[in-house]
Amino acid sequence: MAGLPRPRPLCVPRGGPLIDLCNAVSIAFAVPVAVFEVSRVSGFVEVRYATGDETYLTFSGETENPAAGEVIFADAEGRAQGRGWTNRQSGLSAVRFDF
């Protein structure tokens, strides 16, 4: 059909083999997939609504408090390891590949 824009390919940044696999599963099945550096997570991780008292470390090093009612991935110390169904992962527990 003339005049219609062509769809652009989905561009997802590469993050290493594990991150790439999780992104592919998330895209293929339309479900959120989170990967955490377990050495930086205290105890367990649970998906729950924030109370507003949790802390969240951004990738730039700033600390935020998720709003009460926001869906978060929280560890045993009340640190939000992920927000927004994993589309905002904490800089604290992000898996990093130092090559």
N, C-alpha and C. Protein backbone atom coordinates (compact mmCIF):
# COMPACT_ATOMS: atom_id res chain seq x y z
N MET A 1 0.85 -1.17 0.00
CA MET A 1 0.00 0.00 0.00
C MET A 1 0.90 1.24 0.00
N ALA A 2 0.74 1.99 -1.00
CA ALA A 2 1.55 3.19 -1.13
C ALA A 2 1.16 4.23 -0.09
N GLY A 3 2.13 4.93 0.40
CA GLY A 3 1.87 6.01 1.33
C GLY A 3 1.87 5.61 2.79
N LEU A 4 1.79 4.32 3.10
CA LEU A 4 1.81 3.89 4.49
C LEU A 4 3.26 3.72 4.94
N PRO A 5 3.57 4.18 6.14
CA PRO A 5 4.95 4.00 6.60
C PRO A 5 5.24 2.53 6.86
N ARG A 6 6.46 2.16 6.58
CA ARG A 6 6.88 0.78 6.84
C ARG A 6 7.21 0.64 8.31
N PRO A 7 6.84 -0.46 8.94
CA PRO A 7 7.19 -0.65 10.34
C PRO A 7 8.71 -0.75 10.50
N ARG A 8 9.20 -0.12 11.54
CA ARG A 8 10.63 -0.19 11.81
C ARG A 8 10.91 -1.43 12.63
N PRO A 9 12.08 -2.04 12.45
CA PRO A 9 12.42 -3.20 13.27
C PRO A 9 12.58 -2.80 14.73
N LEU A 10 12.25 -3.71 15.62
CA LEU A 10 12.39 -3.46 17.05
C LEU A 10 13.86 -3.48 17.40
N CYS A 11 14.35 -2.41 17.98
CA CYS A 11 15.76 -2.31 18.36
C CYS A 11 15.86 -2.38 19.88
N VAL A 12 16.46 -3.44 20.35
CA VAL A 12 16.66 -3.62 21.78
C VAL A 12 18.17 -3.64 22.02
N PRO A 13 18.65 -2.80 22.94
CA PRO A 13 20.09 -2.77 23.17
C PRO A 13 20.61 -4.10 23.67
N ARG A 14 21.80 -4.47 23.25
CA ARG A 14 22.42 -5.72 23.70
C ARG A 14 22.93 -5.53 25.11
N GLY A 15 22.84 -6.59 25.91
CA GLY A 15 23.30 -6.50 27.29
C GLY A 15 24.09 -7.69 27.75
N GLY A 16 24.51 -8.52 26.82
CA GLY A 16 25.18 -9.77 27.17
C GLY A 16 24.23 -10.92 26.95
N PRO A 17 24.74 -12.15 26.90
CA PRO A 17 23.90 -13.31 26.56
C PRO A 17 22.68 -13.51 27.46
N LEU A 18 22.84 -13.36 28.76
CA LEU A 18 21.70 -13.57 29.67
C LEU A 18 20.64 -12.50 29.49
N ILE A 19 21.07 -11.25 29.41
CA ILE A 19 20.13 -10.14 29.23
C ILE A 19 19.42 -10.26 27.88
N ASP A 20 20.17 -10.61 26.85
CA ASP A 20 19.58 -10.77 25.51
C ASP A 20 18.51 -11.87 25.52
N LEU A 21 18.80 -12.98 26.19
CA LEU A 21 17.83 -14.08 26.28
C LEU A 21 16.56 -13.63 27.00
N CYS A 22 16.72 -12.95 28.11
CA CYS A 22 15.55 -12.48 28.87
C CYS A 22 14.74 -11.47 28.08
N ASN A 23 15.42 -10.58 27.36
CA ASN A 23 14.69 -9.62 26.52
C ASN A 23 13.93 -10.34 25.41
N ALA A 24 14.53 -11.36 24.81
CA ALA A 24 13.86 -12.11 23.74
C ALA A 24 12.62 -12.82 24.26
N VAL A 25 12.72 -13.43 25.44
CA VAL A 25 11.57 -14.12 26.04
C VAL A 25 10.48 -13.10 26.36
N SER A 26 10.87 -11.97 26.92
CA SER A 26 9.91 -10.93 27.28
C SER A 26 9.16 -10.43 26.04
N ILE A 27 9.89 -10.20 24.96
CA ILE A 27 9.27 -9.71 23.72
C ILE A 27 8.40 -10.79 23.08
N ALA A 28 8.90 -12.02 23.02
CA ALA A 28 8.18 -13.11 22.35
C ALA A 28 6.86 -13.44 23.03
N PHE A 29 6.84 -13.40 24.36
CA PHE A 29 5.65 -13.82 25.09
C PHE A 29 4.91 -12.67 25.78
N ALA A 30 5.40 -11.45 25.59
CA ALA A 30 4.77 -10.25 26.16
C ALA A 30 4.59 -10.37 27.67
N VAL A 31 5.64 -10.85 28.33
CA VAL A 31 5.65 -10.94 29.79
C VAL A 31 6.93 -10.29 30.32
N PRO A 32 6.86 -9.64 31.46
CA PRO A 32 8.08 -9.06 32.02
C PRO A 32 9.01 -10.13 32.56
N VAL A 33 10.28 -9.99 32.27
CA VAL A 33 11.30 -10.91 32.77
C VAL A 33 12.38 -10.07 33.45
N ALA A 34 12.70 -10.41 34.68
CA ALA A 34 13.71 -9.65 35.42
C ALA A 34 14.90 -10.55 35.74
N VAL A 35 16.07 -9.96 35.69
CA VAL A 35 17.31 -10.65 36.07
C VAL A 35 18.00 -9.77 37.09
N PHE A 36 18.37 -10.35 38.21
CA PHE A 36 19.02 -9.59 39.27
C PHE A 36 20.36 -10.20 39.62
N GLU A 37 21.31 -9.37 39.98
CA GLU A 37 22.60 -9.82 40.51
C GLU A 37 22.34 -10.22 41.95
N VAL A 38 22.24 -11.54 42.20
CA VAL A 38 21.77 -12.01 43.51
C VAL A 38 22.70 -11.64 44.65
N SER A 39 23.96 -11.39 44.37
CA SER A 39 24.87 -10.98 45.45
C SER A 39 24.52 -9.59 45.98
N ARG A 40 23.69 -8.85 45.25
CA ARG A 40 23.31 -7.49 45.65
C ARG A 40 21.86 -7.43 46.16
N VAL A 41 21.21 -8.58 46.26
CA VAL A 41 19.81 -8.66 46.73
C VAL A 41 19.81 -9.26 48.12
N SER A 42 19.06 -8.64 49.02
CA SER A 42 18.97 -9.13 50.38
C SER A 42 17.81 -10.11 50.51
N GLY A 43 18.14 -11.36 50.83
CA GLY A 43 17.10 -12.36 51.07
C GLY A 43 16.33 -12.77 49.83
N PHE A 44 15.10 -12.38 49.76
CA PHE A 44 14.17 -12.78 48.70
C PHE A 44 13.79 -11.58 47.85
N VAL A 45 13.13 -11.83 46.75
CA VAL A 45 12.54 -10.77 45.93
C VAL A 45 11.06 -11.10 45.78
N GLU A 46 10.22 -10.13 46.05
CA GLU A 46 8.79 -10.33 45.87
C GLU A 46 8.21 -9.21 45.03
N VAL A 47 7.24 -9.56 44.20
CA VAL A 47 6.54 -8.57 43.40
C VAL A 47 5.35 -8.12 44.24
N ARG A 48 5.30 -6.80 44.50
CA ARG A 48 4.23 -6.29 45.36
C ARG A 48 4.03 -4.80 45.10
N TYR A 49 3.01 -4.27 45.72
CA TYR A 49 2.76 -2.84 45.65
C TYR A 49 3.67 -2.14 46.66
N ALA A 50 4.25 -1.03 46.26
CA ALA A 50 5.11 -0.25 47.14
C ALA A 50 4.28 0.39 48.24
N THR A 51 4.90 0.55 49.39
CA THR A 51 4.26 1.27 50.50
C THR A 51 4.65 2.75 50.45
N GLY A 52 5.72 3.05 49.72
CA GLY A 52 6.24 4.42 49.65
C GLY A 52 7.49 4.60 50.50
N ASP A 53 7.82 3.59 51.30
CA ASP A 53 9.00 3.65 52.17
C ASP A 53 10.23 2.98 51.57
N GLU A 54 10.07 2.29 50.46
CA GLU A 54 11.18 1.57 49.84
C GLU A 54 12.17 2.54 49.18
N THR A 55 13.39 2.09 49.04
CA THR A 55 14.39 2.90 48.34
C THR A 55 14.69 2.25 46.99
N TYR A 56 15.04 3.09 46.03
CA TYR A 56 15.35 2.63 44.67
C TYR A 56 16.57 3.41 44.20
N LEU A 57 17.62 2.70 43.80
CA LEU A 57 18.84 3.33 43.32
C LEU A 57 18.80 3.41 41.80
N THR A 58 18.87 4.62 41.26
CA THR A 58 18.86 4.79 39.81
C THR A 58 20.24 4.46 39.25
N PHE A 59 20.32 4.33 37.93
CA PHE A 59 21.61 4.06 37.30
C PHE A 59 22.55 5.25 37.43
N SER A 60 22.02 6.44 37.66
CA SER A 60 22.87 7.62 37.83
C SER A 60 23.33 7.78 39.28
N GLY A 61 22.88 6.89 40.17
CA GLY A 61 23.31 6.92 41.56
C GLY A 61 22.39 7.66 42.51
N GLU A 62 21.28 8.19 42.00
CA GLU A 62 20.33 8.89 42.86
C GLU A 62 19.40 7.89 43.54
N THR A 63 18.96 8.22 44.73
CA THR A 63 18.02 7.37 45.46
C THR A 63 16.62 7.98 45.34
N GLU A 64 15.66 7.13 44.99
CA GLU A 64 14.26 7.54 44.87
C GLU A 64 13.41 6.67 45.78
N ASN A 65 12.20 7.12 46.04
CA ASN A 65 11.21 6.32 46.76
C ASN A 65 10.04 6.10 45.84
N PRO A 66 9.78 4.84 45.44
CA PRO A 66 8.61 4.57 44.61
C PRO A 66 7.33 5.03 45.31
N ALA A 67 6.40 5.52 44.54
CA ALA A 67 5.13 5.98 45.10
C ALA A 67 4.33 4.80 45.64
N ALA A 68 3.60 5.04 46.70
CA ALA A 68 2.73 4.00 47.26
C ALA A 68 1.78 3.51 46.18
N GLY A 69 1.68 2.20 46.05
CA GLY A 69 0.80 1.59 45.06
C GLY A 69 1.48 1.21 43.76
N GLU A 70 2.70 1.68 43.55
CA GLU A 70 3.44 1.30 42.33
C GLU A 70 3.90 -0.15 42.45
N VAL A 71 3.84 -0.90 41.37
CA VAL A 71 4.30 -2.28 41.37
C VAL A 71 5.82 -2.30 41.36
N ILE A 72 6.40 -3.00 42.33
CA ILE A 72 7.86 -3.09 42.44
C ILE A 72 8.30 -4.52 42.69
N PHE A 73 9.57 -4.77 42.48
CA PHE A 73 10.23 -6.00 42.90
C PHE A 73 11.05 -5.59 44.12
N ALA A 74 10.66 -6.02 45.32
CA ALA A 74 11.31 -5.59 46.55
C ALA A 74 12.07 -6.74 47.20
N ASP A 75 13.23 -6.41 47.80
CA ASP A 75 13.95 -7.45 48.53
C ASP A 75 13.61 -7.36 50.01
N ALA A 76 14.25 -8.21 50.82
CA ALA A 76 13.92 -8.32 52.24
C ALA A 76 14.23 -7.05 53.02
N GLU A 77 15.12 -6.18 52.51
CA GLU A 77 15.45 -4.94 53.20
C GLU A 77 14.60 -3.76 52.72
N GLY A 78 13.62 -4.02 51.89
CA GLY A 78 12.75 -2.95 51.41
C GLY A 78 13.36 -2.12 50.31
N ARG A 79 14.32 -2.69 49.60
CA ARG A 79 14.91 -1.99 48.46
C ARG A 79 14.19 -2.41 47.19
N ALA A 80 13.75 -1.46 46.42
CA ALA A 80 13.07 -1.76 45.15
C ALA A 80 14.14 -2.12 44.13
N GLN A 81 14.17 -3.38 43.72
CA GLN A 81 15.15 -3.85 42.75
C GLN A 81 14.68 -3.64 41.32
N GLY A 82 13.39 -3.47 41.15
CA GLY A 82 12.82 -3.20 39.84
C GLY A 82 11.50 -2.48 40.00
N ARG A 83 11.17 -1.68 39.00
CA ARG A 83 9.93 -0.91 39.03
C ARG A 83 9.24 -1.02 37.68
N GLY A 84 7.95 -0.75 37.66
CA GLY A 84 7.22 -0.73 36.40
C GLY A 84 7.24 -2.06 35.68
N TRP A 85 7.01 -3.15 36.40
CA TRP A 85 7.04 -4.49 35.80
C TRP A 85 8.37 -4.75 35.10
N THR A 86 9.45 -4.32 35.72
CA THR A 86 10.85 -4.54 35.34
C THR A 86 11.39 -3.59 34.30
N ASN A 87 10.61 -2.66 33.77
CA ASN A 87 11.21 -1.80 32.76
C ASN A 87 12.13 -0.75 33.38
N ARG A 88 12.16 -0.65 34.71
CA ARG A 88 13.11 0.22 35.40
C ARG A 88 13.81 -0.61 36.46
N GLN A 89 14.96 -1.14 36.10
CA GLN A 89 15.70 -1.95 37.06
C GLN A 89 16.62 -1.06 37.87
N SER A 90 16.84 -1.45 39.11
CA SER A 90 17.71 -0.70 40.01
C SER A 90 19.16 -0.82 39.58
N GLY A 91 19.88 0.28 39.74
CA GLY A 91 21.31 0.24 39.49
C GLY A 91 22.04 -0.63 40.48
N LEU A 92 21.40 -0.89 41.63
CA LEU A 92 22.02 -1.72 42.68
C LEU A 92 22.19 -3.16 42.23
N SER A 93 21.15 -3.76 41.67
CA SER A 93 21.18 -5.19 41.38
C SER A 93 21.22 -5.52 39.89
N ALA A 94 21.48 -4.53 39.06
CA ALA A 94 21.55 -4.78 37.61
C ALA A 94 22.71 -5.71 37.30
N VAL A 95 22.47 -6.65 36.42
CA VAL A 95 23.52 -7.54 35.97
C VAL A 95 24.39 -6.76 35.01
N ARG A 96 25.68 -6.75 35.27
CA ARG A 96 26.61 -6.01 34.43
C ARG A 96 27.68 -6.96 33.91
N PHE A 97 28.10 -6.71 32.72
CA PHE A 97 29.16 -7.51 32.11
C PHE A 97 30.35 -6.59 31.88
N ASP A 98 31.39 -6.79 32.65
CA ASP A 98 32.60 -5.98 32.51
C ASP A 98 33.59 -6.77 31.66
N PHE A 99 33.70 -6.36 30.41
CA PHE A 99 34.59 -7.06 29.49
C PHE A 99 35.91 -6.34 29.39
